């Protein structure tokens, strides 16, 4: 079984924020959350313009959110499919 971590009707930026929040609140992913914060230290200072990150006001590259999503998919069991982020329900923590 799969668990959706956000809604496919929301922007990719909103979905990214939902997944980052989910990872930071799940104790099984504490190490991932710490690595994420080291990789993207500016994340918590992002300026939002509605449902999207205002990359210019945030001082980040226009591709920033794509890089974050790529990092999540490369470093966690979370994956985007059909415009929605998912995780297999039986994944409780990462296998190192």
N, C-alpha and C. Protein backbone atom coordinates (compact mmCIF):
# COMPACT_ATOMS: atom_id res chain seq x y z
N UNK A 1 0.84 -1.19 0.00
CA UNK A 1 0.00 0.00 0.00
C UNK A 1 0.87 1.25 0.00
N UNK A 2 0.33 2.29 -0.55
CA UNK A 2 1.01 3.58 -0.61
C UNK A 2 0.25 4.60 0.22
N UNK A 3 1.00 5.60 0.66
CA UNK A 3 0.41 6.72 1.36
C UNK A 3 0.79 8.00 0.62
N UNK A 4 -0.21 8.77 0.24
CA UNK A 4 0.05 10.07 -0.39
C UNK A 4 0.48 11.05 0.69
N UNK A 5 1.53 11.81 0.41
CA UNK A 5 2.05 12.77 1.38
C UNK A 5 1.59 14.19 1.11
N UNK A 6 0.88 14.39 0.01
CA UNK A 6 0.34 15.69 -0.35
C UNK A 6 -0.73 15.46 -1.41
N UNK A 7 -1.35 16.53 -1.83
CA UNK A 7 -2.44 16.45 -2.79
C UNK A 7 -1.95 16.80 -4.19
N UNK A 8 -2.33 16.00 -5.20
CA UNK A 8 -1.87 16.28 -6.56
C UNK A 8 -2.52 17.52 -7.16
N UNK A 9 -3.49 18.10 -6.49
CA UNK A 9 -4.10 19.34 -6.95
C UNK A 9 -3.34 20.58 -6.49
N UNK A 10 -2.33 20.37 -5.64
CA UNK A 10 -1.56 21.48 -5.13
C UNK A 10 -0.32 21.69 -5.99
N UNK A 11 0.30 22.85 -5.86
CA UNK A 11 1.52 23.13 -6.62
C UNK A 11 2.64 22.19 -6.18
N UNK A 12 3.61 22.00 -7.06
CA UNK A 12 4.77 21.18 -6.72
C UNK A 12 5.51 21.77 -5.53
N UNK A 13 5.53 23.10 -5.41
CA UNK A 13 6.18 23.75 -4.28
C UNK A 13 5.45 23.42 -2.97
N UNK A 14 4.12 23.49 -2.99
CA UNK A 14 3.35 23.11 -1.80
C UNK A 14 3.58 21.63 -1.45
N UNK A 15 3.61 20.79 -2.46
CA UNK A 15 3.86 19.36 -2.23
C UNK A 15 5.24 19.16 -1.61
N UNK A 16 6.24 19.87 -2.15
CA UNK A 16 7.59 19.79 -1.60
C UNK A 16 7.56 20.17 -0.11
N UNK A 17 6.89 21.26 0.23
CA UNK A 17 6.82 21.71 1.62
C UNK A 17 6.13 20.68 2.50
N UNK A 18 5.06 20.04 2.00
CA UNK A 18 4.38 18.99 2.76
C UNK A 18 5.32 17.82 3.04
N UNK A 19 6.08 17.42 2.04
CA UNK A 19 6.99 16.28 2.21
C UNK A 19 8.12 16.63 3.17
N UNK A 20 8.70 17.82 3.03
CA UNK A 20 9.77 18.23 3.95
C UNK A 20 9.24 18.27 5.38
N UNK A 21 8.04 18.78 5.56
CA UNK A 21 7.43 18.80 6.89
C UNK A 21 7.21 17.39 7.42
N UNK A 22 6.70 16.51 6.57
CA UNK A 22 6.46 15.13 6.97
C UNK A 22 7.77 14.46 7.39
N UNK A 23 8.82 14.64 6.59
CA UNK A 23 10.11 14.03 6.92
C UNK A 23 10.66 14.56 8.24
N UNK A 24 10.47 15.86 8.50
CA UNK A 24 11.02 16.45 9.71
C UNK A 24 10.26 16.04 10.97
N UNK A 25 9.02 15.60 10.81
CA UNK A 25 8.22 15.20 11.97
C UNK A 25 8.21 13.70 12.22
N UNK A 26 8.76 12.91 11.31
CA UNK A 26 8.80 11.46 11.48
C UNK A 26 10.15 11.07 12.07
N UNK A 27 10.15 10.57 13.31
CA UNK A 27 11.41 10.27 13.99
C UNK A 27 12.25 9.25 13.23
N UNK A 28 11.64 8.41 12.44
CA UNK A 28 12.39 7.44 11.64
C UNK A 28 13.22 8.08 10.56
N UNK A 29 12.95 9.34 10.26
CA UNK A 29 13.67 10.04 9.21
C UNK A 29 14.48 11.21 9.75
N UNK A 30 14.78 11.20 11.05
CA UNK A 30 15.53 12.30 11.67
C UNK A 30 16.86 12.52 10.96
N UNK A 31 17.60 11.45 10.65
CA UNK A 31 18.88 11.58 9.97
C UNK A 31 18.70 12.24 8.61
N UNK A 32 17.66 11.87 7.89
CA UNK A 32 17.38 12.47 6.59
C UNK A 32 17.08 13.95 6.76
N UNK A 33 16.30 14.29 7.75
CA UNK A 33 15.96 15.69 8.00
C UNK A 33 17.22 16.50 8.30
N UNK A 34 18.12 15.94 9.09
CA UNK A 34 19.38 16.63 9.40
C UNK A 34 20.22 16.82 8.15
N UNK A 35 20.31 15.80 7.30
CA UNK A 35 21.06 15.91 6.05
C UNK A 35 20.42 16.92 5.11
N UNK A 36 19.09 16.95 5.09
CA UNK A 36 18.38 17.92 4.26
C UNK A 36 18.72 19.34 4.69
N UNK A 37 18.67 19.59 5.99
CA UNK A 37 18.97 20.93 6.50
C UNK A 37 20.40 21.35 6.17
N UNK A 38 21.33 20.38 6.18
CA UNK A 38 22.72 20.69 5.82
C UNK A 38 22.85 21.00 4.33
N UNK A 39 22.09 20.29 3.51
CA UNK A 39 22.15 20.47 2.06
C UNK A 39 21.43 21.74 1.61
N UNK A 40 20.34 22.09 2.30
CA UNK A 40 19.52 23.25 1.93
C UNK A 40 19.31 24.16 3.14
N UNK A 41 20.37 24.79 3.64
CA UNK A 41 20.25 25.60 4.86
C UNK A 41 19.32 26.81 4.71
N UNK A 42 19.09 27.24 3.48
CA UNK A 42 18.22 28.40 3.25
C UNK A 42 16.74 28.03 3.22
N UNK A 43 16.42 26.75 3.29
CA UNK A 43 15.04 26.30 3.11
C UNK A 43 14.06 27.01 4.05
N UNK A 44 14.40 27.10 5.31
CA UNK A 44 13.48 27.69 6.29
C UNK A 44 13.35 29.21 6.16
N UNK A 45 14.15 29.82 5.28
CA UNK A 45 14.07 31.26 5.05
C UNK A 45 13.43 31.60 3.71
N UNK A 46 12.90 30.61 3.02
CA UNK A 46 12.30 30.87 1.71
C UNK A 46 11.13 31.84 1.83
N UNK A 47 10.99 32.68 0.83
CA UNK A 47 9.86 33.61 0.75
C UNK A 47 8.85 32.99 -0.20
N UNK A 48 7.62 32.89 0.27
CA UNK A 48 6.56 32.29 -0.54
C UNK A 48 5.69 33.38 -1.13
N UNK A 49 5.27 33.15 -2.35
CA UNK A 49 4.31 34.03 -3.03
C UNK A 49 3.11 33.18 -3.39
N UNK A 50 2.17 33.09 -2.48
CA UNK A 50 1.03 32.19 -2.70
C UNK A 50 1.47 30.75 -2.54
N UNK A 51 1.21 29.96 -3.56
CA UNK A 51 1.52 28.53 -3.47
C UNK A 51 2.87 28.17 -4.09
N UNK A 52 3.69 29.18 -4.33
CA UNK A 52 5.00 28.95 -4.94
C UNK A 52 6.08 29.71 -4.19
N UNK A 53 7.28 29.15 -4.21
CA UNK A 53 8.43 29.84 -3.65
C UNK A 53 8.78 31.00 -4.58
N UNK A 54 8.93 32.16 -4.01
CA UNK A 54 9.39 33.32 -4.77
C UNK A 54 10.91 33.23 -4.80
N UNK A 55 11.42 32.62 -5.85
CA UNK A 55 12.86 32.34 -5.91
C UNK A 55 13.69 33.63 -5.95
N UNK A 56 13.18 34.65 -6.60
CA UNK A 56 13.93 35.91 -6.66
C UNK A 56 14.03 36.54 -5.27
N UNK A 57 12.90 36.65 -4.57
CA UNK A 57 12.90 37.24 -3.23
C UNK A 57 13.67 36.36 -2.24
N UNK A 58 13.71 35.05 -2.50
CA UNK A 58 14.41 34.12 -1.62
C UNK A 58 15.91 34.09 -1.90
N UNK A 59 16.30 34.62 -3.06
CA UNK A 59 17.72 34.61 -3.41
C UNK A 59 18.24 33.23 -3.80
N UNK A 60 17.35 32.41 -4.38
CA UNK A 60 17.75 31.07 -4.80
C UNK A 60 17.52 30.93 -6.31
N UNK A 61 18.15 29.94 -6.88
CA UNK A 61 18.03 29.67 -8.30
C UNK A 61 16.58 29.34 -8.66
N UNK A 62 16.12 29.72 -9.86
CA UNK A 62 14.76 29.39 -10.27
C UNK A 62 14.45 27.89 -10.27
N UNK A 63 15.48 27.05 -10.34
CA UNK A 63 15.29 25.60 -10.31
C UNK A 63 15.37 25.01 -8.89
N UNK A 64 15.44 25.87 -7.89
CA UNK A 64 15.64 25.43 -6.51
C UNK A 64 14.68 24.34 -6.07
N UNK A 65 13.39 24.54 -6.28
CA UNK A 65 12.42 23.55 -5.80
C UNK A 65 12.57 22.23 -6.54
N UNK A 66 12.95 22.27 -7.79
CA UNK A 66 13.23 21.03 -8.53
C UNK A 66 14.41 20.30 -7.92
N UNK A 67 15.42 21.06 -7.52
CA UNK A 67 16.58 20.44 -6.88
C UNK A 67 16.19 19.79 -5.55
N UNK A 68 15.33 20.45 -4.79
CA UNK A 68 14.88 19.89 -3.51
C UNK A 68 14.12 18.58 -3.76
N UNK A 69 13.21 18.60 -4.72
CA UNK A 69 12.42 17.39 -5.01
C UNK A 69 13.33 16.27 -5.50
N UNK A 70 14.30 16.59 -6.36
CA UNK A 70 15.25 15.58 -6.82
C UNK A 70 16.02 14.99 -5.64
N UNK A 71 16.46 15.84 -4.71
CA UNK A 71 17.20 15.38 -3.55
C UNK A 71 16.33 14.44 -2.70
N UNK A 72 15.08 14.81 -2.50
CA UNK A 72 14.17 13.97 -1.73
C UNK A 72 14.03 12.60 -2.39
N UNK A 73 13.82 12.59 -3.69
CA UNK A 73 13.66 11.30 -4.39
C UNK A 73 14.95 10.48 -4.38
N UNK A 74 16.10 11.13 -4.39
CA UNK A 74 17.38 10.42 -4.39
C UNK A 74 17.81 9.95 -3.00
N UNK A 75 17.28 10.56 -1.94
CA UNK A 75 17.78 10.28 -0.59
C UNK A 75 16.74 9.74 0.38
N UNK A 76 15.52 9.56 -0.09
CA UNK A 76 14.46 9.03 0.77
C UNK A 76 13.63 8.04 -0.05
N UNK A 77 12.75 7.30 0.59
CA UNK A 77 11.85 6.43 -0.17
C UNK A 77 10.64 7.15 -0.75
N UNK A 78 10.59 8.47 -0.65
CA UNK A 78 9.49 9.25 -1.21
C UNK A 78 9.71 9.38 -2.72
N UNK A 79 8.63 9.27 -3.47
CA UNK A 79 8.70 9.41 -4.92
C UNK A 79 7.46 10.12 -5.42
N UNK A 80 7.63 10.86 -6.51
CA UNK A 80 6.50 11.53 -7.15
C UNK A 80 6.02 10.66 -8.31
N UNK A 81 4.71 10.44 -8.36
CA UNK A 81 4.11 9.67 -9.44
C UNK A 81 2.76 10.29 -9.76
N UNK A 82 2.51 10.52 -11.03
CA UNK A 82 1.27 11.15 -11.47
C UNK A 82 1.01 12.47 -10.75
N UNK A 83 2.09 13.24 -10.56
CA UNK A 83 1.97 14.56 -9.97
C UNK A 83 1.68 14.59 -8.49
N UNK A 84 2.06 13.53 -7.78
CA UNK A 84 1.77 13.47 -6.35
C UNK A 84 2.89 12.73 -5.63
N UNK A 85 3.32 13.20 -4.44
CA UNK A 85 4.36 12.50 -3.69
C UNK A 85 3.78 11.34 -2.86
N UNK A 86 4.47 10.22 -2.91
CA UNK A 86 4.03 8.99 -2.25
C UNK A 86 5.16 8.37 -1.45
N UNK A 87 4.76 7.51 -0.51
CA UNK A 87 5.69 6.63 0.18
C UNK A 87 4.96 5.32 0.41
N UNK A 88 5.69 4.22 0.34
CA UNK A 88 5.08 2.93 0.65
C UNK A 88 4.78 2.92 2.14
N UNK A 89 3.59 2.50 2.51
CA UNK A 89 3.15 2.53 3.91
C UNK A 89 3.99 1.66 4.82
N UNK A 90 4.62 0.62 4.28
CA UNK A 90 5.43 -0.27 5.14
C UNK A 90 6.83 0.25 5.40
N UNK A 91 7.16 1.42 4.86
CA UNK A 91 8.47 2.02 5.11
C UNK A 91 8.38 2.84 6.39
N UNK A 92 9.06 2.37 7.43
CA UNK A 92 9.03 3.08 8.71
C UNK A 92 10.27 3.93 8.91
N UNK A 93 11.38 3.49 8.35
CA UNK A 93 12.61 4.25 8.43
C UNK A 93 13.55 3.77 7.35
N UNK A 94 14.56 4.54 7.09
CA UNK A 94 15.50 4.19 6.04
C UNK A 94 16.40 3.06 6.47
N UNK A 95 16.73 2.20 5.54
CA UNK A 95 17.73 1.17 5.78
C UNK A 95 19.08 1.73 5.39
N UNK A 96 19.99 1.81 6.36
CA UNK A 96 21.34 2.33 6.06
C UNK A 96 22.28 1.19 5.81
